[in-house]
Protein backbone atom coordinates (compact mmCIF):
# COMPACT_ATOMS: atom_id res chain seq x y z
CA MET A 1 94.18 89.90 132.38
CA VAL A 2 91.44 92.50 132.71
CA ILE A 3 93.69 94.63 134.93
CA VAL A 4 96.45 94.61 132.32
CA LEU A 5 93.98 95.61 129.60
CA ALA A 6 92.59 98.38 131.82
CA PHE A 7 96.07 99.85 132.32
CA LEU A 8 96.83 99.47 128.62
CA THR A 9 93.59 101.25 127.71
CA GLY A 10 94.40 104.08 130.13
CA GLY A 11 97.90 104.37 128.72
CA LEU A 12 96.58 104.54 125.15
CA TYR A 13 94.09 107.25 126.15
CA ALA A 14 96.84 109.23 127.89
CA CYS A 15 99.22 108.94 124.93
CA GLY A 16 96.43 109.83 122.49
CA LEU A 17 95.43 112.94 124.43
CA TYR A 18 99.08 113.97 124.78
CA MET A 19 99.62 113.60 121.04
CA MET A 20 96.48 115.59 120.26
CA MET A 21 97.72 118.52 122.35
CA ARG A 22 100.91 118.90 120.32
CA ARG A 23 101.30 121.66 117.73
CA SER A 24 101.86 119.37 114.75
CA ILE A 25 98.77 118.31 112.85
CA VAL A 26 100.39 114.96 112.01
CA LYS A 27 100.68 114.25 115.74
CA LEU A 28 97.04 115.23 116.09
CA ILE A 29 96.11 112.50 113.60
CA MET A 30 98.30 109.98 115.41
CA GLY A 31 96.59 110.91 118.69
CA LEU A 32 93.20 110.43 117.07
CA ALA A 33 94.27 106.95 115.96
CA LEU A 34 95.46 106.10 119.48
CA LEU A 35 92.13 107.25 120.93
CA SER A 36 90.35 105.03 118.42
CA TYR A 37 92.48 102.01 119.41
CA ALA A 38 91.92 102.71 123.10
CA THR A 39 88.17 102.89 122.62
CA ASN A 40 88.16 99.59 120.73
CA LEU A 41 90.17 97.96 123.51
CA LEU A 42 87.82 99.43 126.13
CA ILE A 43 84.75 98.01 124.38
CA PHE A 44 86.48 94.65 124.06
CA THR A 45 87.42 94.61 127.75
CA VAL A 46 84.01 95.71 129.01
CA GLY A 47 82.36 93.08 126.81
CA GLY A 48 84.03 90.38 128.87
CA LEU A 49 86.95 88.14 128.08
CA THR A 50 85.87 84.52 127.94
CA ARG A 51 87.48 81.57 126.29
CA ALA A 52 84.26 79.93 125.32
CA ALA A 53 82.44 78.37 122.45
CA PRO A 54 80.79 80.47 119.77
CA PRO A 55 77.14 81.29 120.49
CA LEU A 56 75.68 78.65 118.20
CA VAL A 57 72.35 77.08 119.19
CA PRO A 58 72.37 73.31 118.69
CA GLU A 59 69.48 71.59 117.00
CA GLY A 60 66.56 71.05 119.34
CA GLU A 61 67.74 73.67 121.86
CA THR A 62 66.54 77.23 122.41
CA VAL A 63 69.71 78.73 123.90
CA PRO A 64 73.41 78.17 123.24
CA PRO A 65 75.29 75.98 125.72
CA VAL A 66 76.99 77.85 128.58
CA PRO A 67 79.69 79.29 128.51
CA PHE A 68 79.49 81.13 125.22
CA ALA A 69 81.23 84.23 123.90
CA ASP A 70 79.16 87.39 123.44
CA PRO A 71 79.33 88.43 119.75
CA VAL A 72 77.97 91.98 120.25
CA PRO A 73 81.25 93.62 121.46
CA GLN A 74 83.13 91.95 118.61
CA ALA A 75 80.63 93.29 116.07
CA LEU A 76 80.82 96.78 117.62
CA ILE A 77 84.62 96.74 117.48
CA LEU A 78 84.62 95.58 113.87
CA THR A 79 82.27 98.43 112.96
CA ALA A 80 84.39 100.91 114.93
CA ILE A 81 87.55 99.76 113.14
CA VAL A 82 85.98 100.35 109.73
CA ILE A 83 84.57 103.76 110.68
CA GLY A 84 87.84 104.76 112.37
CA PHE A 85 89.81 103.83 109.27
CA GLY A 86 87.52 105.99 107.13
CA VAL A 87 87.84 108.95 109.50
CA LEU A 88 91.63 108.62 109.60
CA ALA A 89 91.85 108.37 105.81
CA PHE A 90 89.73 111.52 105.46
CA ALA A 91 91.81 113.35 108.07
CA VAL A 92 95.08 112.41 106.34
CA VAL A 93 93.80 113.70 102.99
CA LEU A 94 92.54 116.89 104.65
CA ILE A 95 95.89 117.46 106.36
CA GLU A 96 97.77 116.81 103.11
CA GLN A 97 95.68 119.41 101.28
CA THR A 98 96.16 121.88 104.12
CA HIS A 99 99.91 121.34 104.04
CA ARG A 100 99.98 121.86 100.27
CA SER A 101 98.06 125.14 100.47
CA VAL A 102 99.68 126.57 103.64
CA GLY A 103 103.10 124.93 103.57
CA THR A 104 103.26 123.99 107.26
CA ASP A 105 101.81 121.48 109.68
CA ASP A 106 102.07 123.74 112.72
CA SER A 107 98.57 124.36 114.06
CA ASN A 108 99.53 127.79 115.45
CA ASN A 109 100.47 129.02 111.97
CA LEU A 110 97.07 127.96 110.58
CA ARG A 111 95.13 130.45 112.70
CA GLY A 112 96.16 133.47 110.63
CA ILE A 113 95.18 131.80 107.35
CA GLU A 114 91.41 131.69 108.04
CA GLY A 115 90.52 135.10 106.63
CA GLU A 116 92.96 135.10 103.72
CA SER A 117 92.10 133.83 100.24
């Protein structure tokens, strides 16, 4: 299962980088989202995939019973999802405002607009 997730993560990174190299700013945002998903999947895969009990310490014990699932990668991924959603929302609003003021989503046409007011 880890091999499949490794190939899936690599494919998401490749697709995300490909989308970010396109001329359209909308595709740039989609590539950014794919990179975010790939990073979340990478953290999840590196954290270890175990079908185990939650890490709850029973009464009278000092450690949880083995095997237990590590909650740290899950907490990191949850935080990354929230931050990634905020970044994507900001980028979409920024692109919408740019499209309203310039009238195009082609990144090559935006280069001549920098000095104009």
